[in-house]
N, C-alpha and C. Protein backbone atom coordinates (compact mmCIF):
# COMPACT_ATOMS: atom_id res chain seq x y z
N MET A 1 0.83 -1.14 0.01
CA MET A 1 0.02 0.00 0.00
C MET A 1 0.90 1.22 -0.02
N ASP A 2 0.41 2.20 -0.73
CA ASP A 2 1.13 3.50 -0.80
C ASP A 2 0.63 4.41 0.41
N VAL A 3 -0.64 4.41 0.66
CA VAL A 3 -1.22 5.26 1.60
C VAL A 3 -2.36 4.61 2.48
N VAL A 4 -2.31 4.92 3.81
CA VAL A 4 -3.35 4.46 4.60
C VAL A 4 -3.99 5.75 5.12
N ILE A 5 -5.25 5.83 5.05
CA ILE A 5 -6.04 7.03 5.51
C ILE A 5 -6.96 6.59 6.68
N VAL A 6 -6.91 7.39 7.74
CA VAL A 6 -7.65 7.08 8.92
C VAL A 6 -8.90 8.01 8.88
N GLY A 7 -10.14 7.42 8.80
CA GLY A 7 -11.30 8.15 8.85
C GLY A 7 -12.05 8.40 7.51
N GLY A 8 -13.26 7.97 7.50
CA GLY A 8 -14.03 7.99 6.23
C GLY A 8 -15.05 9.15 6.15
N GLY A 9 -14.67 10.34 6.66
CA GLY A 9 -15.41 11.54 6.49
C GLY A 9 -15.14 12.08 5.17
N LEU A 10 -15.62 13.32 4.91
CA LEU A 10 -15.43 14.02 3.62
C LEU A 10 -14.01 14.22 3.23
N ALA A 11 -13.10 14.56 4.10
CA ALA A 11 -11.68 14.75 3.89
C ALA A 11 -11.07 13.45 3.58
N GLY A 12 -11.28 12.40 4.39
CA GLY A 12 -10.61 11.15 4.14
C GLY A 12 -11.08 10.52 2.83
N LEU A 13 -12.35 10.58 2.55
CA LEU A 13 -12.84 10.07 1.25
C LEU A 13 -12.36 10.76 0.08
N THR A 14 -12.30 12.07 0.21
CA THR A 14 -11.77 12.83 -0.91
C THR A 14 -10.27 12.51 -1.19
N ALA A 15 -9.49 12.45 -0.16
CA ALA A 15 -8.05 12.10 -0.25
C ALA A 15 -7.98 10.68 -0.89
N ALA A 16 -8.78 9.76 -0.47
CA ALA A 16 -8.67 8.36 -0.95
C ALA A 16 -9.09 8.37 -2.43
N TYR A 17 -10.10 9.14 -2.79
CA TYR A 17 -10.52 9.17 -4.16
C TYR A 17 -9.45 9.72 -5.11
N ARG A 18 -8.91 10.77 -4.72
CA ARG A 18 -7.86 11.47 -5.54
C ARG A 18 -6.61 10.69 -5.61
N LEU A 19 -6.19 10.06 -4.55
CA LEU A 19 -5.02 9.28 -4.56
C LEU A 19 -5.17 7.97 -5.38
N ALA A 20 -6.37 7.36 -5.25
CA ALA A 20 -6.59 6.20 -6.09
C ALA A 20 -6.75 6.51 -7.48
N ASP A 21 -7.33 7.66 -7.82
CA ASP A 21 -7.40 8.16 -9.24
C ASP A 21 -6.11 8.46 -9.80
N ALA A 22 -5.05 8.80 -8.99
CA ALA A 22 -3.72 9.04 -9.41
C ALA A 22 -2.87 7.77 -9.50
N GLY A 23 -3.55 6.59 -9.24
CA GLY A 23 -2.86 5.30 -9.35
C GLY A 23 -2.22 4.79 -8.08
N ARG A 24 -2.32 5.44 -6.98
CA ARG A 24 -1.87 4.98 -5.72
C ARG A 24 -2.74 3.82 -5.15
N GLN A 25 -2.05 2.95 -4.43
CA GLN A 25 -2.75 1.92 -3.74
C GLN A 25 -3.15 2.48 -2.33
N VAL A 26 -4.38 2.45 -2.02
CA VAL A 26 -4.90 3.19 -0.80
C VAL A 26 -5.79 2.22 0.01
N ILE A 27 -5.63 2.39 1.33
CA ILE A 27 -6.58 1.75 2.27
C ILE A 27 -7.17 2.87 3.12
N LEU A 28 -8.45 2.88 3.23
CA LEU A 28 -9.01 3.87 4.18
C LEU A 28 -9.64 3.04 5.28
N LEU A 29 -9.29 3.38 6.52
CA LEU A 29 -9.82 2.65 7.73
C LEU A 29 -10.85 3.54 8.41
N GLU A 30 -12.05 2.98 8.65
CA GLU A 30 -13.22 3.69 9.19
C GLU A 30 -13.67 3.00 10.42
N ARG A 31 -13.80 3.72 11.50
CA ARG A 31 -14.24 3.05 12.79
C ARG A 31 -15.66 2.58 12.81
N GLY A 32 -16.50 3.27 12.03
CA GLY A 32 -17.94 2.87 12.02
C GLY A 32 -18.22 1.71 11.10
N ASP A 33 -19.50 1.26 11.09
CA ASP A 33 -19.87 0.18 10.26
C ASP A 33 -19.57 0.36 8.76
N ALA A 34 -19.63 1.63 8.41
CA ALA A 34 -19.32 2.07 6.99
C ALA A 34 -19.21 3.55 7.04
N PRO A 35 -18.50 4.16 6.11
CA PRO A 35 -18.48 5.65 6.05
C PRO A 35 -19.89 6.21 6.09
N GLY A 36 -20.00 7.17 6.99
CA GLY A 36 -21.29 7.77 7.00
C GLY A 36 -22.27 7.17 8.14
N SER A 37 -21.95 5.93 8.50
CA SER A 37 -22.79 5.12 9.47
C SER A 37 -23.06 5.88 10.80
N LYS A 38 -22.12 6.68 11.27
CA LYS A 38 -22.17 7.33 12.51
C LYS A 38 -22.90 8.68 12.40
N ASN A 39 -23.04 9.15 11.15
CA ASN A 39 -23.65 10.45 10.89
C ASN A 39 -25.22 10.23 11.15
N VAL A 40 -25.71 11.16 12.08
CA VAL A 40 -27.12 11.04 12.26
C VAL A 40 -28.00 12.27 11.88
N THR A 41 -27.25 13.16 11.22
CA THR A 41 -27.78 14.46 10.81
C THR A 41 -27.38 14.77 9.48
N GLY A 42 -27.94 15.90 9.05
CA GLY A 42 -27.63 16.44 7.69
C GLY A 42 -26.86 17.77 7.88
N GLY A 43 -26.92 18.58 6.88
CA GLY A 43 -26.21 19.79 6.95
C GLY A 43 -26.10 20.42 5.65
N ARG A 44 -25.24 21.33 5.54
CA ARG A 44 -24.97 22.06 4.38
C ARG A 44 -23.66 21.79 3.88
N ILE A 45 -23.55 21.63 2.54
CA ILE A 45 -22.16 21.40 1.99
C ILE A 45 -21.96 22.43 0.97
N TYR A 46 -20.84 23.25 1.02
CA TYR A 46 -20.52 24.21 0.04
C TYR A 46 -19.65 23.47 -1.01
N VAL A 47 -20.12 23.52 -2.27
CA VAL A 47 -19.37 22.65 -3.25
C VAL A 47 -18.19 23.42 -3.94
N GLU A 48 -18.12 24.70 -3.86
CA GLU A 48 -16.99 25.34 -4.58
C GLU A 48 -15.56 24.80 -3.98
N PRO A 49 -15.49 24.75 -2.61
CA PRO A 49 -14.19 24.28 -2.14
C PRO A 49 -13.83 22.88 -2.61
N ILE A 50 -14.81 22.01 -2.81
CA ILE A 50 -14.53 20.70 -3.29
C ILE A 50 -14.65 20.42 -4.71
N ARG A 51 -15.29 21.29 -5.51
CA ARG A 51 -15.49 21.08 -6.89
C ARG A 51 -14.18 20.92 -7.67
N ARG A 52 -13.08 21.57 -7.20
CA ARG A 52 -11.84 21.31 -7.96
C ARG A 52 -11.21 20.07 -7.61
N PHE A 53 -11.60 19.32 -6.57
CA PHE A 53 -11.04 18.04 -6.23
C PHE A 53 -11.69 16.90 -6.81
N ILE A 54 -13.13 17.04 -6.92
CA ILE A 54 -13.97 15.97 -7.40
C ILE A 54 -15.01 16.55 -8.39
N PRO A 55 -14.57 17.26 -9.42
CA PRO A 55 -15.52 17.98 -10.34
C PRO A 55 -16.54 16.96 -10.96
N GLU A 56 -16.11 15.76 -11.35
CA GLU A 56 -16.82 14.76 -12.13
C GLU A 56 -17.97 14.20 -11.15
N LEU A 57 -17.83 14.35 -9.87
CA LEU A 57 -18.89 13.80 -8.99
C LEU A 57 -19.86 14.74 -8.49
N ILE A 58 -19.72 16.02 -8.56
CA ILE A 58 -20.69 16.89 -7.93
C ILE A 58 -22.07 16.82 -8.63
N ASP A 59 -22.17 16.62 -9.92
CA ASP A 59 -23.51 16.57 -10.61
C ASP A 59 -24.10 15.20 -10.33
N GLN A 60 -23.30 14.12 -9.90
CA GLN A 60 -23.98 12.83 -9.59
C GLN A 60 -24.29 12.71 -8.07
N ALA A 61 -23.84 13.59 -7.20
CA ALA A 61 -23.97 13.39 -5.74
C ALA A 61 -25.34 13.44 -5.28
N PRO A 62 -25.72 12.61 -4.29
CA PRO A 62 -27.04 12.50 -3.74
C PRO A 62 -27.29 13.74 -2.78
N PHE A 63 -27.25 14.95 -3.32
CA PHE A 63 -27.65 16.08 -2.52
C PHE A 63 -29.18 16.14 -2.31
N GLU A 64 -29.62 16.82 -1.33
CA GLU A 64 -31.06 16.91 -1.12
C GLU A 64 -31.64 18.06 -1.99
N ARG A 65 -31.18 19.32 -1.90
CA ARG A 65 -31.58 20.48 -2.68
C ARG A 65 -30.58 21.54 -2.50
N HIS A 66 -30.54 22.48 -3.50
CA HIS A 66 -29.58 23.56 -3.52
C HIS A 66 -30.17 24.64 -2.63
N VAL A 67 -29.26 25.42 -2.02
CA VAL A 67 -29.59 26.45 -1.11
C VAL A 67 -29.78 27.77 -1.90
N VAL A 68 -30.91 28.38 -1.58
CA VAL A 68 -31.24 29.64 -2.43
C VAL A 68 -31.21 30.93 -1.59
N LYS A 69 -31.19 30.79 -0.27
CA LYS A 69 -31.06 31.97 0.66
C LYS A 69 -30.39 31.59 1.92
N GLU A 70 -29.97 32.63 2.54
CA GLU A 70 -29.31 32.41 3.91
C GLU A 70 -30.08 33.38 4.94
N ILE A 71 -30.35 32.82 6.08
CA ILE A 71 -30.88 33.63 7.18
C ILE A 71 -29.93 33.42 8.39
N ILE A 72 -29.43 34.62 8.87
CA ILE A 72 -28.60 34.57 9.98
C ILE A 72 -29.40 35.23 11.14
N THR A 73 -29.38 34.54 12.33
CA THR A 73 -29.99 35.09 13.40
C THR A 73 -28.99 35.24 14.59
N LEU A 74 -29.10 36.47 15.12
CA LEU A 74 -28.18 36.84 16.27
C LEU A 74 -29.09 36.84 17.52
N LEU A 75 -28.62 36.23 18.56
CA LEU A 75 -29.44 36.14 19.79
C LEU A 75 -28.69 36.60 20.93
N ASP A 76 -29.31 37.24 21.94
CA ASP A 76 -28.83 37.34 23.36
C ASP A 76 -29.87 36.87 24.30
N GLU A 77 -29.72 37.17 25.51
CA GLU A 77 -30.75 36.63 26.57
C GLU A 77 -32.14 37.20 26.26
N ASP A 78 -32.36 38.36 25.78
CA ASP A 78 -33.65 38.99 25.66
C ASP A 78 -34.07 39.45 24.28
N ALA A 79 -33.22 39.37 23.33
CA ALA A 79 -33.55 39.90 21.93
C ALA A 79 -32.87 39.06 20.96
N SER A 80 -33.44 39.32 19.69
CA SER A 80 -32.87 38.67 18.49
C SER A 80 -33.00 39.54 17.33
N VAL A 81 -32.14 39.37 16.33
CA VAL A 81 -32.31 40.09 15.02
C VAL A 81 -31.94 39.08 13.95
N GLN A 82 -32.67 39.17 12.88
CA GLN A 82 -32.45 38.29 11.76
C GLN A 82 -32.01 39.12 10.46
N VAL A 83 -31.05 38.53 9.72
CA VAL A 83 -30.64 39.06 8.44
C VAL A 83 -30.86 38.00 7.37
N GLU A 84 -31.63 38.29 6.36
CA GLU A 84 -31.89 37.44 5.27
C GLU A 84 -31.06 37.81 4.04
N PHE A 85 -30.49 36.96 3.40
CA PHE A 85 -29.68 37.24 2.13
C PHE A 85 -30.04 36.29 1.13
N SER A 86 -30.37 36.78 -0.05
CA SER A 86 -30.52 35.86 -1.26
C SER A 86 -29.90 36.53 -2.46
N ASP A 87 -29.60 35.63 -3.50
CA ASP A 87 -28.92 36.15 -4.69
C ASP A 87 -29.52 35.29 -5.82
N GLY A 88 -29.92 35.90 -6.78
CA GLY A 88 -30.60 35.21 -7.98
C GLY A 88 -29.61 34.24 -8.56
N ARG A 89 -28.30 34.47 -8.49
CA ARG A 89 -27.34 33.47 -9.03
C ARG A 89 -27.42 32.18 -8.34
N TRP A 90 -27.85 32.21 -7.05
CA TRP A 90 -27.89 30.91 -6.34
C TRP A 90 -29.02 30.02 -6.80
N ARG A 91 -29.84 30.52 -7.65
CA ARG A 91 -30.98 29.68 -8.18
C ARG A 91 -30.67 28.98 -9.57
N LYS A 92 -29.53 29.32 -10.05
CA LYS A 92 -28.96 28.78 -11.30
C LYS A 92 -27.72 28.05 -11.11
N PRO A 93 -27.45 26.97 -11.90
CA PRO A 93 -26.11 26.28 -11.87
C PRO A 93 -25.03 27.13 -12.28
N PRO A 94 -23.78 26.88 -11.82
CA PRO A 94 -23.48 25.95 -10.83
C PRO A 94 -23.88 26.46 -9.43
N TYR A 95 -24.57 25.66 -8.70
CA TYR A 95 -25.08 25.94 -7.30
C TYR A 95 -23.80 26.03 -6.31
N MET A 96 -23.96 27.00 -5.38
CA MET A 96 -22.85 27.20 -4.44
C MET A 96 -22.91 26.16 -3.30
N SER A 97 -24.06 25.79 -2.85
CA SER A 97 -24.19 24.89 -1.74
C SER A 97 -25.54 24.04 -1.83
N TYR A 98 -25.58 22.97 -1.04
CA TYR A 98 -26.70 22.06 -1.04
C TYR A 98 -26.94 21.61 0.48
N THR A 99 -28.13 21.21 0.61
CA THR A 99 -28.32 20.45 1.91
C THR A 99 -28.01 19.07 1.65
N VAL A 100 -27.64 18.33 2.63
CA VAL A 100 -27.08 16.96 2.38
C VAL A 100 -27.38 16.10 3.74
N LEU A 101 -27.70 14.82 3.51
CA LEU A 101 -27.79 13.87 4.62
C LEU A 101 -26.37 13.24 4.51
N ARG A 102 -25.54 13.35 5.50
CA ARG A 102 -24.19 12.87 5.48
C ARG A 102 -24.14 11.40 5.44
N ALA A 103 -25.03 10.65 6.11
CA ALA A 103 -24.91 9.26 6.08
C ALA A 103 -25.18 8.75 4.69
N LYS A 104 -26.13 9.31 3.96
CA LYS A 104 -26.38 8.94 2.58
C LYS A 104 -25.32 9.35 1.69
N PHE A 105 -24.79 10.58 1.83
CA PHE A 105 -23.68 11.11 0.96
C PHE A 105 -22.40 10.31 1.12
N ASP A 106 -22.01 10.14 2.42
CA ASP A 106 -20.77 9.38 2.68
C ASP A 106 -20.75 7.99 2.17
N ALA A 107 -21.90 7.29 2.33
CA ALA A 107 -22.07 5.96 1.79
C ALA A 107 -21.83 5.91 0.27
N TRP A 108 -22.48 6.83 -0.39
CA TRP A 108 -22.45 6.96 -1.82
C TRP A 108 -21.01 7.26 -2.26
N PHE A 109 -20.29 8.22 -1.60
CA PHE A 109 -18.96 8.64 -1.93
C PHE A 109 -18.04 7.50 -1.60
N SER A 110 -18.22 6.66 -0.59
CA SER A 110 -17.45 5.53 -0.43
C SER A 110 -17.41 4.54 -1.54
N GLU A 111 -18.60 4.31 -2.19
CA GLU A 111 -18.73 3.45 -3.37
C GLU A 111 -17.85 4.04 -4.44
N LYS A 112 -17.86 5.36 -4.66
CA LYS A 112 -17.06 5.93 -5.72
C LYS A 112 -15.59 5.72 -5.41
N VAL A 113 -15.19 5.91 -4.19
CA VAL A 113 -13.79 5.67 -3.76
C VAL A 113 -13.40 4.20 -4.18
N MET A 114 -14.26 3.31 -3.84
CA MET A 114 -13.94 1.86 -4.11
C MET A 114 -13.93 1.57 -5.66
N GLU A 115 -14.78 2.27 -6.39
CA GLU A 115 -14.72 2.10 -7.85
C GLU A 115 -13.39 2.56 -8.40
N LYS A 116 -12.78 3.53 -7.84
CA LYS A 116 -11.46 3.96 -8.23
C LYS A 116 -10.37 3.05 -7.87
N GLY A 117 -10.74 1.95 -7.08
CA GLY A 117 -9.68 0.95 -6.70
C GLY A 117 -9.15 1.04 -5.27
N ALA A 118 -9.63 1.96 -4.48
CA ALA A 118 -9.16 2.00 -3.02
C ALA A 118 -9.95 1.00 -2.28
N PHE A 119 -9.35 0.61 -1.17
CA PHE A 119 -9.94 -0.34 -0.21
C PHE A 119 -10.61 0.49 1.00
N VAL A 120 -11.81 0.35 1.19
CA VAL A 120 -12.49 1.00 2.34
C VAL A 120 -12.77 -0.11 3.31
N ILE A 121 -12.16 -0.05 4.46
CA ILE A 121 -12.20 -1.13 5.53
C ILE A 121 -13.00 -0.53 6.79
N PRO A 122 -14.11 -0.92 7.04
CA PRO A 122 -14.88 -0.51 8.14
C PRO A 122 -14.63 -1.12 9.38
N LYS A 123 -15.18 -0.73 10.45
CA LYS A 123 -15.00 -1.36 11.83
C LYS A 123 -13.46 -1.54 12.23
N ARG A 124 -12.69 -0.49 11.87
CA ARG A 124 -11.33 -0.53 12.10
C ARG A 124 -10.90 0.85 12.75
N ARG A 125 -10.94 0.92 14.06
CA ARG A 125 -10.65 2.06 14.86
C ARG A 125 -9.12 2.22 15.07
N VAL A 126 -8.53 3.31 14.74
CA VAL A 126 -7.15 3.64 14.95
C VAL A 126 -7.09 4.41 16.19
N ASP A 127 -6.15 3.93 17.28
CA ASP A 127 -6.10 4.58 18.45
C ASP A 127 -5.10 5.77 18.46
N ASP A 128 -4.01 5.54 17.69
CA ASP A 128 -2.90 6.50 17.66
C ASP A 128 -2.02 6.11 16.47
N LEU A 129 -1.16 7.09 16.20
CA LEU A 129 -0.20 6.79 15.10
C LEU A 129 1.15 6.44 15.79
N LEU A 130 1.81 5.61 15.04
CA LEU A 130 3.11 5.05 15.44
C LEU A 130 4.30 5.87 14.80
N TRP A 131 5.01 6.68 15.63
CA TRP A 131 6.10 7.52 15.05
C TRP A 131 7.43 6.82 15.24
N GLU A 132 8.25 6.91 14.30
CA GLU A 132 9.59 6.45 14.33
C GLU A 132 10.54 7.35 13.58
N ASN A 133 11.56 7.84 14.24
CA ASN A 133 12.47 8.80 13.66
C ASN A 133 11.86 9.85 12.94
N GLY A 134 10.69 10.52 13.57
CA GLY A 134 10.14 11.73 13.09
C GLY A 134 9.09 11.40 11.87
N ARG A 135 8.89 10.16 11.61
CA ARG A 135 8.05 9.76 10.53
C ARG A 135 6.90 8.75 11.03
N ILE A 136 5.74 8.81 10.32
CA ILE A 136 4.74 7.86 10.73
C ILE A 136 5.12 6.51 10.06
N ALA A 137 5.18 5.50 10.97
CA ALA A 137 5.58 4.09 10.51
C ALA A 137 4.52 3.12 10.59
N GLY A 138 3.35 3.52 11.09
CA GLY A 138 2.22 2.61 11.40
C GLY A 138 1.19 3.29 12.27
N CYS A 139 0.42 2.42 12.93
CA CYS A 139 -0.56 2.92 13.91
C CYS A 139 -0.73 1.84 15.01
N TRP A 140 -1.35 2.34 16.04
CA TRP A 140 -1.85 1.51 17.11
C TRP A 140 -3.30 1.25 17.06
N ARG A 141 -3.63 0.00 17.20
CA ARG A 141 -5.01 -0.49 17.19
C ARG A 141 -5.23 -1.52 18.27
N GLY A 142 -6.07 -1.30 19.21
CA GLY A 142 -6.36 -2.27 20.14
C GLY A 142 -5.18 -2.68 20.99
N GLY A 143 -4.21 -1.71 21.28
CA GLY A 143 -3.06 -2.02 22.01
C GLY A 143 -1.94 -2.69 21.21
N LYS A 144 -2.13 -2.94 19.94
CA LYS A 144 -1.12 -3.54 19.10
C LYS A 144 -0.66 -2.63 18.12
N LYS A 145 0.72 -2.80 17.72
CA LYS A 145 1.35 -2.00 16.76
C LYS A 145 1.10 -2.57 15.37
N PHE A 146 0.82 -1.71 14.38
CA PHE A 146 0.74 -2.16 13.00
C PHE A 146 1.73 -1.27 12.33
N ARG A 147 2.76 -1.98 11.78
CA ARG A 147 3.88 -1.17 11.25
C ARG A 147 4.04 -1.43 9.73
N HIS A 148 4.40 -0.30 9.05
CA HIS A 148 4.65 -0.44 7.58
C HIS A 148 5.96 -1.20 7.45
N THR A 149 5.92 -2.21 6.47
CA THR A 149 7.08 -2.87 6.16
C THR A 149 7.36 -2.66 4.67
N SER A 150 8.68 -2.36 4.46
CA SER A 150 9.04 -2.24 2.92
C SER A 150 9.99 -3.27 2.54
């Protein structure tokens, strides 16, 4: 293996996708039953920061809906004020952001990572990194050392 990635969130999956696409042999270790299985909520995903890393996937992704306005609420103990902002450009592609259910999105993205040739291995918690001579040489899992051998 060229690379071992710890964690199957958006950053880990994106790294695994890009590295596998570049021909690297990649293993991604995820402590949950599958990437996204621990996510119990949704949220908002801004696509411009990730569009340059996975442009071919943005139009296929299982987003819920694109965001067309923002409402910001400021609160204190006794009062509140809201500011609403919308922009006509947000209603036309390319959309700036979407609502997303992360469990659904991460599971889908994991499939795309595996299609690129990376190995996604669930139920593998990493407790710590194993450092030797200022470099990462492996990891600790369940009290045992797992070391890179060349």
